[in-house]
Amino acid sequence: MLKLIIKGDAKKEVMLDKAKISFGRDGSNDVVLDSSVVSGFHA
């Protein structure tokens, strides 16, 4: 199983165990990216 590790102020680990994983600023995404250059639902 794959694991995404996001380093920054607080280290965050996300298990990539679903067929589709959503990335973006919106809190409903599987991986929330806190950056103004990322759209609400990026990928």
Protein backbone atom coordinates (compact mmCIF):
# COMPACT_ATOMS: atom_id res chain seq x y z
CA MET A 1 0.00 0.00 0.00
CA LEU A 2 1.26 3.49 -0.82
CA LYS A 3 1.57 6.30 1.69
CA LEU A 4 1.97 9.99 0.87
CA ILE A 5 4.02 11.95 3.41
CA ILE A 6 3.61 15.73 3.36
CA LYS A 7 6.30 17.63 5.23
CA GLY A 8 5.84 21.17 6.44
CA ASP A 9 4.91 22.85 9.72
CA ALA A 10 3.09 19.65 10.66
CA LYS A 11 3.97 16.32 9.08
CA LYS A 12 0.92 14.62 7.58
CA GLU A 13 0.64 11.05 6.30
CA VAL A 14 -2.14 9.97 3.93
CA MET A 15 -2.75 6.37 2.96
CA LEU A 16 -3.37 6.05 -0.77
CA ASP A 17 -5.75 3.12 -0.50
CA LYS A 18 -8.67 4.24 -2.69
CA ALA A 19 -9.18 4.00 -6.45
CA LYS A 20 -9.49 7.81 -6.63
CA ILE A 21 -7.78 10.33 -4.33
CA SER A 22 -8.72 14.01 -4.52
CA PHE A 23 -6.25 16.86 -3.94
CA GLY A 24 -7.03 20.55 -3.41
CA ARG A 25 -7.62 23.39 -0.95
CA ASP A 26 -11.22 22.44 -0.11
CA GLY A 27 -11.58 20.56 3.18
CA SER A 28 -13.61 17.78 1.56
CA ASN A 29 -10.60 16.55 -0.46
CA ASP A 30 -8.71 13.45 0.64
CA VAL A 31 -5.48 15.49 0.63
CA VAL A 32 -5.93 19.15 1.58
CA LEU A 33 -3.22 21.47 0.26
CA ASP A 34 -3.02 24.80 2.05
CA SER A 35 -1.72 27.01 -0.77
CA SER A 36 -3.29 29.88 -2.66
CA VAL A 37 -1.85 28.56 -5.94
CA VAL A 38 -3.86 25.32 -5.66
CA SER A 39 -7.53 25.31 -6.67
CA GLY A 40 -10.27 24.08 -4.35
CA PHE A 41 -10.49 20.79 -6.26
CA HIS A 42 -7.13 20.52 -8.00
CA ALA A 43 -6.81 16.89 -9.00
